[in-house]
Amino acid sequence: MELGYIGRGVSLKGKTYWIASGEEEKRLGKFLMSFDYTTERFERLCLPNKYPCYAILALSVVREEKLSMLSQRGIKSKPEIWVTNKIGETQVVSWSMVLALDLQPKRCIGESGSFLVDEKKKVVVCCDNIRDQGKTTVHIFGEDNKVKQVDFEVGSSL
């Protein structure tokens, strides 16, 4: 399969995972790929929903046990946080939605950024680089839909 899009990957338990779309299957949207370094094999895995090629999807790892995914179908849709079952305990990857953010004003979370999720506290920390503005923005989102934003200028000290 020839890939038309490859997102930033994450490593978990001897495998690397990333979001991709097939060059000839663009109408089918995005999917999850993995590469197992032990067996040297690729595997195509399920996502929680079907996502069009324009959807924003980003991966992260939860407590070195699970994958998490931030999804946003478009700039006006709600960002959702999904978490898998524990990777390696079963052959099947299943997803549960942990949080859907109803942000005002509508915010778009970029694929180039990174995020961390606390499943129990239902809090998400997103970090995104805005290259043309020369800054990094950190957003802290909670179940209450309140957002705390911190901007870091390039070259500034913390």
N, C-alpha and C. Protein backbone atom coordinates (compact mmCIF):
# COMPACT_ATOMS: atom_id res chain seq x y z
N MET A 1 0.85 -1.18 0.00
CA MET A 1 0.00 0.00 0.00
C MET A 1 0.89 1.24 0.00
N GLU A 2 0.55 2.18 -0.84
CA GLU A 2 1.27 3.44 -0.89
C GLU A 2 0.51 4.45 -0.03
N LEU A 3 1.22 5.07 0.92
CA LEU A 3 0.58 6.01 1.83
C LEU A 3 0.62 7.42 1.27
N GLY A 4 -0.53 8.10 1.33
CA GLY A 4 -0.63 9.47 0.86
C GLY A 4 -0.41 10.48 1.97
N TYR A 5 -0.62 10.05 3.21
CA TYR A 5 -0.46 10.92 4.36
C TYR A 5 0.09 10.08 5.50
N ILE A 6 1.07 10.60 6.20
CA ILE A 6 1.61 9.93 7.38
C ILE A 6 1.72 10.97 8.48
N GLY A 7 1.02 10.75 9.60
CA GLY A 7 1.09 11.66 10.73
C GLY A 7 2.27 11.33 11.63
N ARG A 8 2.49 12.16 12.61
CA ARG A 8 3.57 11.96 13.57
C ARG A 8 3.30 10.71 14.38
N GLY A 9 4.31 9.88 14.59
CA GLY A 9 4.12 8.61 15.28
C GLY A 9 4.44 8.67 16.76
N VAL A 10 3.98 7.63 17.46
CA VAL A 10 4.30 7.44 18.87
C VAL A 10 4.76 5.99 19.05
N SER A 11 5.60 5.75 20.04
CA SER A 11 6.09 4.40 20.32
C SER A 11 5.48 3.89 21.61
N LEU A 12 5.10 2.60 21.58
CA LEU A 12 4.50 1.97 22.74
C LEU A 12 4.74 0.47 22.67
N LYS A 13 5.40 -0.07 23.68
CA LYS A 13 5.62 -1.51 23.83
C LYS A 13 6.19 -2.17 22.58
N GLY A 14 7.26 -1.60 22.05
CA GLY A 14 7.97 -2.20 20.93
C GLY A 14 7.35 -1.98 19.57
N LYS A 15 6.36 -1.11 19.50
CA LYS A 15 5.73 -0.80 18.22
C LYS A 15 5.66 0.71 18.05
N THR A 16 5.63 1.15 16.81
CA THR A 16 5.36 2.55 16.50
C THR A 16 4.00 2.62 15.83
N TYR A 17 3.21 3.61 16.24
CA TYR A 17 1.85 3.81 15.72
C TYR A 17 1.78 5.18 15.08
N TRP A 18 1.02 5.30 14.00
CA TRP A 18 0.79 6.60 13.38
C TRP A 18 -0.51 6.58 12.59
N ILE A 19 -1.03 7.79 12.36
CA ILE A 19 -2.23 7.96 11.55
C ILE A 19 -1.78 8.08 10.10
N ALA A 20 -2.51 7.44 9.19
CA ALA A 20 -2.14 7.47 7.78
C ALA A 20 -3.39 7.45 6.92
N SER A 21 -3.19 7.71 5.64
CA SER A 21 -4.24 7.48 4.64
C SER A 21 -3.55 6.94 3.40
N GLY A 22 -4.27 6.09 2.67
CA GLY A 22 -3.71 5.50 1.47
C GLY A 22 -3.81 6.45 0.29
N GLU A 23 -2.80 6.46 -0.54
CA GLU A 23 -2.78 7.33 -1.71
C GLU A 23 -3.96 7.04 -2.63
N GLU A 24 -4.26 5.77 -2.82
CA GLU A 24 -5.35 5.39 -3.72
C GLU A 24 -6.68 5.21 -2.99
N GLU A 25 -6.67 5.35 -1.67
CA GLU A 25 -7.89 5.14 -0.88
C GLU A 25 -8.33 6.40 -0.17
N LYS A 26 -8.03 7.57 -0.71
CA LYS A 26 -8.32 8.83 -0.02
C LYS A 26 -9.78 8.94 0.38
N ARG A 27 -10.66 8.41 -0.44
CA ARG A 27 -12.09 8.50 -0.12
C ARG A 27 -12.44 7.70 1.13
N LEU A 28 -11.59 6.74 1.50
CA LEU A 28 -11.83 5.94 2.70
C LEU A 28 -11.38 6.64 3.97
N GLY A 29 -10.61 7.69 3.85
CA GLY A 29 -10.19 8.47 5.01
C GLY A 29 -8.95 7.94 5.69
N LYS A 30 -8.78 8.34 6.93
CA LYS A 30 -7.58 8.03 7.70
C LYS A 30 -7.76 6.74 8.49
N PHE A 31 -6.62 6.12 8.83
CA PHE A 31 -6.62 4.90 9.62
C PHE A 31 -5.36 4.86 10.48
N LEU A 32 -5.28 3.88 11.37
CA LEU A 32 -4.15 3.71 12.28
C LEU A 32 -3.24 2.62 11.73
N MET A 33 -1.94 2.90 11.68
CA MET A 33 -0.95 1.91 11.26
C MET A 33 -0.01 1.65 12.41
N SER A 34 0.56 0.43 12.44
CA SER A 34 1.59 0.13 13.43
C SER A 34 2.72 -0.64 12.75
N PHE A 35 3.89 -0.52 13.33
CA PHE A 35 5.04 -1.32 12.89
C PHE A 35 5.62 -1.99 14.12
N ASP A 36 5.72 -3.32 14.07
CA ASP A 36 6.26 -4.12 15.16
C ASP A 36 7.74 -4.36 14.86
N TYR A 37 8.63 -3.87 15.72
CA TYR A 37 10.06 -3.99 15.49
C TYR A 37 10.55 -5.43 15.68
N THR A 38 9.86 -6.23 16.48
CA THR A 38 10.25 -7.62 16.70
C THR A 38 9.98 -8.48 15.47
N THR A 39 8.78 -8.37 14.92
CA THR A 39 8.41 -9.19 13.76
C THR A 39 8.68 -8.49 12.44
N GLU A 40 9.01 -7.19 12.50
CA GLU A 40 9.24 -6.36 11.32
C GLU A 40 8.03 -6.39 10.38
N ARG A 41 6.85 -6.25 10.97
CA ARG A 41 5.60 -6.27 10.19
C ARG A 41 4.78 -5.01 10.45
N PHE A 42 4.10 -4.58 9.39
CA PHE A 42 3.14 -3.49 9.47
C PHE A 42 1.76 -4.08 9.71
N GLU A 43 0.92 -3.31 10.40
CA GLU A 43 -0.47 -3.74 10.62
C GLU A 43 -1.38 -2.52 10.55
N ARG A 44 -2.50 -2.70 9.92
CA ARG A 44 -3.52 -1.65 9.85
C ARG A 44 -4.54 -1.92 10.95
N LEU A 45 -4.80 -0.92 11.79
CA LEU A 45 -5.69 -1.07 12.94
C LEU A 45 -6.88 -0.12 12.83
N CYS A 46 -7.89 -0.41 13.62
CA CYS A 46 -9.11 0.40 13.56
C CYS A 46 -8.96 1.69 14.38
N LEU A 47 -9.70 2.69 13.96
CA LEU A 47 -9.89 3.91 14.73
C LEU A 47 -11.30 3.86 15.31
N PRO A 48 -11.63 4.74 16.25
CA PRO A 48 -12.97 4.67 16.85
C PRO A 48 -14.10 4.99 15.88
N ASN A 49 -13.83 5.76 14.85
CA ASN A 49 -14.83 6.15 13.85
C ASN A 49 -14.16 6.24 12.49
N LYS A 50 -14.97 6.46 11.45
CA LYS A 50 -14.40 6.78 10.14
C LYS A 50 -14.07 8.26 10.14
N TYR A 51 -12.88 8.60 9.67
CA TYR A 51 -12.46 9.99 9.63
C TYR A 51 -12.06 10.37 8.21
N PRO A 52 -12.62 11.47 7.68
CA PRO A 52 -12.23 11.91 6.34
C PRO A 52 -10.78 12.39 6.34
N CYS A 53 -10.22 12.52 5.15
CA CYS A 53 -8.82 12.93 5.02
C CYS A 53 -8.54 14.30 5.62
N TYR A 54 -9.54 15.18 5.67
CA TYR A 54 -9.32 16.53 6.21
C TYR A 54 -9.44 16.58 7.74
N ALA A 55 -9.84 15.49 8.38
CA ALA A 55 -9.98 15.47 9.84
C ALA A 55 -8.60 15.63 10.49
N ILE A 56 -8.59 16.27 11.64
CA ILE A 56 -7.36 16.45 12.41
C ILE A 56 -7.30 15.33 13.44
N LEU A 57 -6.25 14.52 13.37
CA LEU A 57 -6.06 13.40 14.29
C LEU A 57 -4.63 13.44 14.80
N ALA A 58 -4.45 13.31 16.10
CA ALA A 58 -3.12 13.28 16.69
C ALA A 58 -3.07 12.18 17.74
N LEU A 59 -1.93 11.51 17.84
CA LEU A 59 -1.76 10.40 18.79
C LEU A 59 -0.88 10.80 19.96
N SER A 60 -1.10 10.11 21.08
CA SER A 60 -0.26 10.24 22.26
C SER A 60 -0.32 8.91 23.01
N VAL A 61 0.41 8.82 24.10
CA VAL A 61 0.45 7.60 24.91
C VAL A 61 0.00 7.94 26.32
N VAL A 62 -0.78 7.04 26.92
CA VAL A 62 -1.27 7.22 28.29
C VAL A 62 -0.56 6.20 29.19
N ARG A 63 0.21 6.69 30.15
CA ARG A 63 0.86 5.87 31.17
C ARG A 63 1.62 4.65 30.62
N GLU A 64 2.18 4.78 29.45
CA GLU A 64 2.94 3.71 28.81
C GLU A 64 2.15 2.41 28.69
N GLU A 65 0.80 2.52 28.61
CA GLU A 65 -0.07 1.35 28.51
C GLU A 65 -1.05 1.44 27.36
N LYS A 66 -1.47 2.66 27.02
CA LYS A 66 -2.57 2.85 26.08
C LYS A 66 -2.22 3.93 25.07
N LEU A 67 -2.91 3.87 23.94
CA LEU A 67 -2.85 4.96 22.98
C LEU A 67 -3.98 5.93 23.27
N SER A 68 -3.75 7.20 23.00
CA SER A 68 -4.83 8.17 23.05
C SER A 68 -4.82 8.94 21.73
N MET A 69 -5.98 9.42 21.36
CA MET A 69 -6.11 10.14 20.10
C MET A 69 -6.99 11.36 20.29
N LEU A 70 -6.51 12.48 19.79
CA LEU A 70 -7.29 13.70 19.75
C LEU A 70 -7.85 13.79 18.34
N SER A 71 -9.16 13.94 18.22
CA SER A 71 -9.78 14.01 16.89
C SER A 71 -10.65 15.25 16.79
N GLN A 72 -10.63 15.83 15.61
CA GLN A 72 -11.49 16.97 15.32
C GLN A 72 -11.80 16.92 13.82
N ARG A 73 -13.07 16.75 13.49
CA ARG A 73 -13.47 16.56 12.09
C ARG A 73 -13.33 17.83 11.26
N GLY A 74 -13.41 18.97 11.88
CA GLY A 74 -13.28 20.24 11.18
C GLY A 74 -13.16 21.36 12.19
N ILE A 75 -12.88 22.55 11.72
CA ILE A 75 -12.62 23.67 12.62
C ILE A 75 -13.83 24.01 13.50
N LYS A 76 -15.03 23.68 13.06
CA LYS A 76 -16.23 24.01 13.84
C LYS A 76 -16.75 22.83 14.65
N SER A 77 -16.07 21.71 14.62
CA SER A 77 -16.55 20.54 15.37
C SER A 77 -15.85 20.46 16.73
N LYS A 78 -16.42 19.66 17.61
CA LYS A 78 -15.88 19.49 18.95
C LYS A 78 -14.66 18.57 18.92
N PRO A 79 -13.55 18.99 19.53
CA PRO A 79 -12.43 18.07 19.68
C PRO A 79 -12.84 16.94 20.63
N GLU A 80 -12.44 15.72 20.30
CA GLU A 80 -12.75 14.56 21.14
C GLU A 80 -11.44 13.87 21.52
N ILE A 81 -11.41 13.33 22.73
CA ILE A 81 -10.26 12.57 23.20
C ILE A 81 -10.70 11.12 23.37
N TRP A 82 -10.00 10.23 22.69
CA TRP A 82 -10.28 8.79 22.72
C TRP A 82 -9.08 8.06 23.32
N VAL A 83 -9.33 6.97 24.05
CA VAL A 83 -8.26 6.16 24.65
C VAL A 83 -8.55 4.69 24.36
N THR A 84 -7.49 3.93 24.06
CA THR A 84 -7.64 2.50 23.78
C THR A 84 -7.65 1.69 25.07
N ASN A 85 -7.98 0.41 24.92
CA ASN A 85 -7.75 -0.55 25.98
C ASN A 85 -6.23 -0.69 26.13
N LYS A 86 -5.76 -1.43 27.14
CA LYS A 86 -4.33 -1.60 27.33
C LYS A 86 -3.75 -2.37 26.15
N ILE A 87 -2.75 -1.78 25.53
CA ILE A 87 -2.12 -2.39 24.37
C ILE A 87 -1.33 -3.62 24.82
N GLY A 88 -1.48 -4.71 24.09
CA GLY A 88 -0.75 -5.94 24.40
C GLY A 88 -1.54 -6.94 25.21
N GLU A 89 -2.64 -6.52 25.84
CA GLU A 89 -3.45 -7.45 26.63
C GLU A 89 -4.39 -8.26 25.75
N THR A 90 -4.69 -7.75 24.58
CA THR A 90 -5.59 -8.43 23.65
C THR A 90 -5.16 -8.10 22.23
N GLN A 91 -5.58 -8.88 21.28
CA GLN A 91 -5.25 -8.64 19.88
C GLN A 91 -6.11 -7.52 19.29
N VAL A 92 -7.24 -7.24 19.91
CA VAL A 92 -8.19 -6.26 19.38
C VAL A 92 -7.99 -4.92 20.07
N VAL A 93 -7.90 -3.87 19.27
CA VAL A 93 -7.81 -2.51 19.82
C VAL A 93 -9.22 -1.95 19.91
N SER A 94 -9.63 -1.57 21.12
CA SER A 94 -10.94 -0.93 21.27
C SER A 94 -10.73 0.46 21.85
N TRP A 95 -11.63 1.37 21.50
CA TRP A 95 -11.52 2.78 21.88
C TRP A 95 -12.70 3.20 22.75
N SER A 96 -12.43 4.09 23.70
CA SER A 96 -13.48 4.72 24.51
C SER A 96 -13.27 6.22 24.49
N MET A 97 -14.37 6.97 24.32
CA MET A 97 -14.25 8.42 24.35
C MET A 97 -14.16 8.87 25.81
N VAL A 98 -13.13 9.63 26.11
CA VAL A 98 -12.89 10.11 27.46
C VAL A 98 -13.47 11.50 27.65
N LEU A 99 -13.43 12.31 26.59
CA LEU A 99 -13.80 13.72 26.72
C LEU A 99 -14.18 14.29 25.36
N ALA A 100 -15.25 15.07 25.33
CA ALA A 100 -15.61 15.86 24.15
C ALA A 100 -15.66 17.31 24.61
N LEU A 101 -14.88 18.15 23.98
CA LEU A 101 -14.75 19.53 24.42
C LEU A 101 -15.66 20.44 23.62
N ASP A 102 -16.49 21.19 24.31
CA ASP A 102 -17.38 22.15 23.66
C ASP A 102 -16.79 23.53 23.88
N LEU A 103 -15.81 23.86 23.07
CA LEU A 103 -15.03 25.07 23.28
C LEU A 103 -15.66 26.28 22.60
N GLN A 104 -15.66 27.40 23.31
CA GLN A 104 -16.15 28.67 22.77
C GLN A 104 -15.06 29.72 22.98
N PRO A 105 -14.55 30.41 22.02
CA PRO A 105 -14.89 30.23 20.62
C PRO A 105 -14.34 28.90 20.13
N LYS A 106 -14.83 28.45 18.99
CA LYS A 106 -14.38 27.18 18.44
C LYS A 106 -12.87 27.26 18.20
N ARG A 107 -12.17 26.28 18.65
CA ARG A 107 -10.72 26.23 18.47
C ARG A 107 -10.37 25.00 17.65
N CYS A 108 -9.35 25.15 16.88
CA CYS A 108 -8.85 24.03 16.08
C CYS A 108 -7.53 23.61 16.70
N ILE A 109 -7.37 22.34 16.92
CA ILE A 109 -6.15 21.81 17.52
C ILE A 109 -5.35 21.15 16.41
N GLY A 110 -4.12 21.57 16.23
CA GLY A 110 -3.33 21.11 15.09
C GLY A 110 -2.72 19.73 15.25
N GLU A 111 -2.49 19.07 14.12
CA GLU A 111 -1.84 17.76 14.11
C GLU A 111 -0.36 17.87 14.41
N SER A 112 0.22 19.04 14.23
CA SER A 112 1.66 19.20 14.45
C SER A 112 1.99 19.31 15.93
N GLY A 113 1.00 19.51 16.75
CA GLY A 113 1.23 19.66 18.18
C GLY A 113 1.29 18.33 18.89
N SER A 114 1.36 18.40 20.20
CA SER A 114 1.35 17.19 21.01
C SER A 114 0.38 17.41 22.17
N PHE A 115 -0.02 16.31 22.80
CA PHE A 115 -0.96 16.44 23.91
C PHE A 115 -0.77 15.30 24.90
N LEU A 116 -1.20 15.56 26.11
CA LEU A 116 -1.22 14.56 27.19
C LEU A 116 -2.62 14.54 27.76
N VAL A 117 -3.06 13.37 28.18
CA VAL A 117 -4.40 13.26 28.76
C VAL A 117 -4.32 12.54 30.10
N ASP A 118 -5.07 13.04 31.06
CA ASP A 118 -5.26 12.36 32.34
C ASP A 118 -6.67 11.82 32.33
N GLU A 119 -6.80 10.50 32.16
CA GLU A 119 -8.12 9.87 32.05
C GLU A 119 -8.98 10.08 33.28
N LYS A 120 -8.38 9.96 34.45
CA LYS A 120 -9.15 10.05 35.69
C LYS A 120 -9.64 11.47 35.96
N LYS A 121 -8.78 12.45 35.77
CA LYS A 121 -9.15 13.84 36.04
C LYS A 121 -9.85 14.50 34.86
N LYS A 122 -9.84 13.81 33.70
CA LYS A 122 -10.45 14.33 32.47
C LYS A 122 -9.91 15.71 32.13
N VAL A 123 -8.58 15.76 32.03
CA VAL A 123 -7.87 16.98 31.69
C VAL A 123 -6.93 16.68 30.52
N VAL A 124 -6.84 17.62 29.59
CA VAL A 124 -5.97 17.48 28.43
C VAL A 124 -5.05 18.69 28.36
N VAL A 125 -3.77 18.44 28.15
CA VAL A 125 -2.79 19.50 27.95
C VAL A 125 -2.30 19.39 26.51
N CYS A 126 -2.53 20.43 25.71
CA CYS A 126 -2.13 20.44 24.30
C CYS A 126 -1.05 21.48 24.10
N CYS A 127 -0.05 21.13 23.33
CA CYS A 127 1.04 22.04 23.01
C CYS A 127 1.13 22.12 21.50
N ASP A 128 1.07 23.33 20.95
CA ASP A 128 1.10 23.49 19.51
C ASP A 128 2.05 24.63 19.14
N ASN A 129 2.86 24.39 18.12
CA ASN A 129 3.77 25.42 17.63
C ASN A 129 3.09 26.20 16.53
N ILE A 130 3.13 27.52 16.65
CA ILE A 130 2.61 28.39 15.60
C ILE A 130 3.83 29.03 14.95
N ARG A 131 4.34 28.36 13.91
CA ARG A 131 5.63 28.73 13.32
C ARG A 131 5.66 30.15 12.79
N ASP A 132 4.64 30.56 12.05
CA ASP A 132 4.69 31.89 11.44
C ASP A 132 4.61 33.00 12.48
N GLN A 133 4.12 32.67 13.68
CA GLN A 133 4.06 33.67 14.75
C GLN A 133 5.22 33.52 15.73
N GLY A 134 6.04 32.47 15.55
CA GLY A 134 7.21 32.27 16.40
C GLY A 134 6.88 31.98 17.85
N LYS A 135 5.79 31.28 18.10
CA LYS A 135 5.46 30.97 19.49
C LYS A 135 4.88 29.57 19.62
N THR A 136 4.96 29.09 20.84
CA THR A 136 4.35 27.82 21.20
C THR A 136 3.21 28.13 22.16
N THR A 137 2.07 27.51 21.93
CA THR A 137 0.91 27.74 22.78
C THR A 137 0.55 26.45 23.51
N VAL A 138 0.34 26.56 24.81
CA VAL A 138 -0.10 25.43 25.62
C VAL A 138 -1.52 25.72 26.07
N HIS A 139 -2.43 24.77 25.80
CA HIS A 139 -3.82 24.88 26.24
C HIS A 139 -4.09 23.77 27.25
N ILE A 140 -4.76 24.11 28.32
CA ILE A 140 -5.19 23.12 29.31
C ILE A 140 -6.71 23.11 29.29
N PHE A 141 -7.28 21.97 28.89
CA PHE A 141 -8.73 21.81 28.75
C PHE A 141 -9.22 20.86 29.83
N GLY A 142 -10.39 21.13 30.34
CA GLY A 142 -11.00 20.24 31.31
C GLY A 142 -12.41 19.86 30.92
N GLU A 143 -12.98 18.97 31.70
CA GLU A 143 -14.35 18.51 31.47
C GLU A 143 -15.34 19.66 31.54
N ASP A 144 -14.99 20.71 32.29
CA ASP A 144 -15.86 21.88 32.44
C ASP A 144 -15.79 22.82 31.23
N ASN A 145 -14.98 22.46 30.23
CA ASN A 145 -14.79 23.23 28.99
C ASN A 145 -14.11 24.58 29.21
N LYS A 146 -13.54 24.78 30.37
CA LYS A 146 -12.74 25.99 30.59
C LYS A 146 -11.35 25.74 30.00
N VAL A 147 -10.78 26.79 29.45
CA VAL A 147 -9.49 26.68 28.79
C VAL A 147 -8.51 27.65 29.43
N LYS A 148 -7.35 27.13 29.76
CA LYS A 148 -6.26 28.00 30.21
C LYS A 148 -5.23 27.99 29.09
N GLN A 149 -4.80 29.17 28.66
CA GLN A 149 -3.84 29.28 27.56
C GLN A 149 -2.58 29.97 28.04
N VAL A 150 -1.43 29.38 27.69
CA VAL A 150 -0.13 29.97 28.02
C VAL A 150 0.66 30.04 26.72
N ASP A 151 1.17 31.24 26.38
CA ASP A 151 1.97 31.42 25.17
C ASP A 151 3.44 31.55 25.54
N PHE A 152 4.29 30.87 24.78
CA PHE A 152 5.73 30.96 24.96
C PHE A 152 6.33 31.48 23.66
N GLU A 153 7.03 32.60 23.73
CA GLU A 153 7.70 33.14 22.55
C GLU A 153 8.97 32.34 22.29
N VAL A 154 9.36 32.23 21.02
CA VAL A 154 10.59 31.54 20.67
C VAL A 154 11.75 32.30 21.28
N GLY A 155 12.64 31.56 21.95
CA GLY A 155 13.80 32.19 22.56
C GLY A 155 13.55 32.68 23.97
N SER A 156 12.32 32.60 24.47
CA SER A 156 12.05 33.06 25.84
C SER A 156 12.42 31.95 26.81
N SER A 157 12.75 32.33 28.02
CA SER A 157 13.06 31.32 29.04
C SER A 157 11.82 31.07 29.87
N LEU A 158 11.72 29.85 30.37
CA LEU A 158 10.53 29.48 31.15
C LEU A 158 10.65 29.90 32.57
